[in-house]
Amino acid sequence: MDFLCHILSPLGGLTLASDGEALTGLWFDGQAHFGAGLSDVREERSLPVFDEVRRWLALYFDGRQPDFTPPLCPRGTAFQRAVWDALLDIPYGQTTTYGELARRLGGASARAVGGAVGRNPVSIIIPCHRVLGADGRLTGYAGGLERKRYLLRLEGVAFRE
């Protein structure tokens, strides 16, 4: 069973998902791959992890770097989870490229890394928005490029259009 919660953010509605203990999903309403990995059995419920996520997001959208990470348990393949773990290592206010992530992951293809980044089920907290193209240009984002621009600017990141 999955537990869901809907909240509003400066970038629109967000849907949070949990297994009851950890955050398993955080999607912009209507984004690509919305709800991937959710079971067919779902229930709206208030949970402590959702309260932690709300607190994290409030700090983040206030322009401050949160000093904690809510418990996370994104669902995916072993390779996807390795990529998502690598995303968590990208510091606030900094970026990397798909190629650099691929090198850090032992030589995986940048295309495979890009596929896993694009399927990140925990937007914002697992910072896939911090990944740019090889030339430092803004590239795709499941939540839309306008949201990616907003998130990067919020963190003070310079990027090429």
Protein backbone atom coordinates (compact mmCIF):
# COMPACT_ATOMS: atom_id res chain seq x y z
CA MET A 1 0.00 0.00 0.00
CA ASP A 2 1.15 3.52 -0.76
CA PHE A 3 0.20 6.59 1.23
CA LEU A 4 -0.26 9.89 -0.59
CA CYS A 5 -0.35 13.55 0.32
CA HIS A 6 -0.95 16.58 -1.90
CA ILE A 7 0.64 19.94 -1.16
CA LEU A 8 1.13 23.24 -2.93
CA SER A 9 4.52 24.74 -3.74
CA PRO A 10 5.65 27.92 -5.49
CA LEU A 11 5.90 25.74 -8.61
CA GLY A 12 2.43 24.19 -8.37
CA GLY A 13 0.93 21.09 -6.84
CA LEU A 14 3.11 18.28 -5.55
CA THR A 15 2.13 14.72 -4.82
CA LEU A 16 4.08 12.95 -2.10
CA ALA A 17 4.13 9.17 -1.69
CA SER A 18 5.33 7.02 1.18
CA ASP A 19 5.52 3.40 2.22
CA GLY A 20 4.52 4.57 5.71
CA GLU A 21 8.08 5.26 6.88
CA ALA A 22 10.08 6.85 4.06
CA LEU A 23 9.36 9.07 1.08
CA THR A 24 9.03 6.98 -2.07
CA GLY A 25 7.87 9.70 -4.45
CA LEU A 26 7.61 13.45 -4.90
CA TRP A 27 6.20 14.55 -8.24
CA PHE A 28 5.01 17.80 -9.70
CA ASP A 29 1.38 17.22 -10.60
CA GLY A 30 1.25 16.10 -14.22
CA GLN A 31 5.00 15.70 -14.74
CA ALA A 32 6.53 12.98 -16.91
CA HIS A 33 6.64 9.59 -15.14
CA PHE A 34 4.14 10.85 -12.56
CA GLY A 35 3.36 8.14 -10.01
CA ALA A 36 5.81 5.60 -11.43
CA GLY A 37 6.25 2.72 -9.01
CA LEU A 38 3.07 3.34 -7.04
CA SER A 39 0.95 0.34 -6.16
CA ASP A 40 -2.69 0.13 -7.13
CA VAL A 41 -3.65 0.38 -3.45
CA ARG A 42 -3.35 3.98 -2.26
CA GLU A 43 -4.64 5.96 0.66
CA GLU A 44 -4.47 9.65 1.53
CA ARG A 45 -2.95 9.93 4.97
CA SER A 46 -1.03 12.30 7.21
CA LEU A 47 2.37 10.84 8.12
CA PRO A 48 5.43 12.11 10.02
CA VAL A 49 7.55 11.72 6.87
CA PHE A 50 5.19 14.06 5.01
CA ASP A 51 5.62 16.61 7.80
CA GLU A 52 9.42 16.33 7.40
CA VAL A 53 9.11 16.82 3.64
CA ARG A 54 6.94 19.90 4.15
CA ARG A 55 9.56 21.32 6.53
CA TRP A 56 12.38 20.52 4.05
CA LEU A 57 10.50 22.14 1.17
CA ALA A 58 9.65 25.23 3.23
CA LEU A 59 13.35 25.79 3.96
CA TYR A 60 14.30 25.09 0.36
CA PHE A 61 11.73 27.37 -1.23
CA ASP A 62 12.71 30.06 1.27
CA GLY A 63 16.13 30.00 -0.42
CA ARG A 64 17.89 28.14 2.38
CA GLN A 65 19.79 24.88 2.16
CA PRO A 66 18.01 22.32 4.35
CA ASP A 67 20.33 20.77 6.94
CA PHE A 68 18.60 17.38 6.90
CA THR A 69 17.19 14.92 4.40
CA PRO A 70 13.89 13.17 5.05
CA PRO A 71 14.08 9.37 4.95
CA LEU A 72 14.04 8.29 1.31
CA CYS A 73 13.27 4.97 -0.35
CA PRO A 74 12.82 5.57 -4.09
CA ARG A 75 11.75 2.52 -6.06
CA GLY A 76 13.72 1.52 -9.11
CA THR A 77 16.33 -0.82 -10.51
CA ALA A 78 19.72 -1.18 -8.85
CA PHE A 79 21.25 1.03 -11.56
CA GLN A 80 18.58 3.71 -11.14
CA ARG A 81 19.06 3.73 -7.38
CA ALA A 82 22.85 4.09 -7.86
CA VAL A 83 22.26 7.10 -10.12
CA TRP A 84 19.80 8.63 -7.65
CA ASP A 85 22.31 8.12 -4.82
CA ALA A 86 24.92 9.92 -6.95
CA LEU A 87 22.48 12.81 -7.45
CA LEU A 88 22.28 13.22 -3.67
CA ASP A 89 26.05 13.89 -3.68
CA ILE A 90 25.69 17.01 -5.88
CA PRO A 91 26.03 19.90 -3.45
CA TYR A 92 23.38 22.59 -3.15
CA GLY A 93 24.13 25.40 -5.59
CA GLN A 94 26.35 23.27 -7.82
CA THR A 95 25.78 21.24 -10.97
CA THR A 96 27.26 18.32 -12.84
CA THR A 97 26.78 16.76 -16.26
CA TYR A 98 25.38 13.43 -17.37
CA GLY A 99 28.87 12.48 -18.57
CA GLU A 100 30.47 13.30 -15.24
CA LEU A 101 27.83 11.25 -13.42
CA ALA A 102 28.53 8.37 -15.81
CA ARG A 103 32.26 8.56 -15.04
CA ARG A 104 31.59 8.62 -11.29
CA LEU A 105 29.43 5.53 -11.72
CA GLY A 106 32.28 3.57 -13.25
CA GLY A 107 31.84 4.32 -16.92
CA ALA A 108 28.12 3.82 -17.46
CA SER A 109 26.87 5.49 -20.62
CA ALA A 110 25.72 9.08 -20.31
CA ARG A 111 22.53 8.06 -22.13
CA ALA A 112 21.76 5.36 -19.53
CA VAL A 113 22.48 7.82 -16.73
CA GLY A 114 20.18 10.35 -18.41
CA GLY A 115 17.40 7.78 -18.55
CA ALA A 116 17.74 7.08 -14.83
CA VAL A 117 17.95 10.79 -13.97
CA GLY A 118 14.77 11.40 -15.95
CA ARG A 119 12.95 8.72 -13.96
CA ASN A 120 13.94 10.07 -10.56
CA PRO A 121 10.77 9.61 -8.48
CA VAL A 122 11.74 12.11 -5.77
CA SER A 123 11.96 15.51 -7.47
CA ILE A 124 13.75 18.40 -5.79
CA ILE A 125 15.06 16.45 -2.77
CA ILE A 126 16.98 14.07 -5.04
CA PRO A 127 18.32 16.96 -7.11
CA CYS A 128 18.08 15.83 -10.72
CA HIS A 129 17.59 19.52 -11.61
CA ARG A 130 21.33 19.99 -10.92
CA VAL A 131 22.32 17.93 -13.97
CA LEU A 132 23.17 19.87 -17.13
CA GLY A 133 24.21 18.94 -20.65
CA ALA A 134 27.89 18.42 -21.52
CA ASP A 135 28.27 22.05 -22.59
CA GLY A 136 26.65 23.39 -19.40
CA ARG A 137 23.34 23.99 -21.12
CA LEU A 138 19.97 23.47 -19.57
CA THR A 139 18.56 20.11 -20.65
CA GLY A 140 15.30 18.26 -20.08
CA TYR A 141 13.51 17.95 -16.78
CA ALA A 142 10.49 15.73 -16.07
CA GLY A 143 8.82 18.66 -14.28
CA GLY A 144 9.44 21.02 -17.21
CA LEU A 145 12.30 23.36 -18.07
CA GLU A 146 10.65 26.39 -16.46
CA ARG A 147 10.66 24.59 -13.12
CA LYS A 148 14.28 23.52 -13.60
CA ARG A 149 15.25 27.14 -14.32
CA TYR A 150 13.44 28.28 -11.17
CA LEU A 151 15.13 25.65 -8.97
CA LEU A 152 18.61 26.40 -10.30
CA ARG A 153 18.11 30.16 -9.93
CA LEU A 154 16.80 29.64 -6.40
CA GLU A 155 20.12 27.92 -5.60
CA GLY A 156 22.12 30.68 -7.31
CA VAL A 157 23.36 28.46 -10.13
CA ALA A 158 24.52 29.97 -13.43
CA PHE A 159 23.68 27.93 -16.51
CA ARG A 160 23.52 28.31 -20.27
CA GLU A 161 20.21 28.36 -22.11
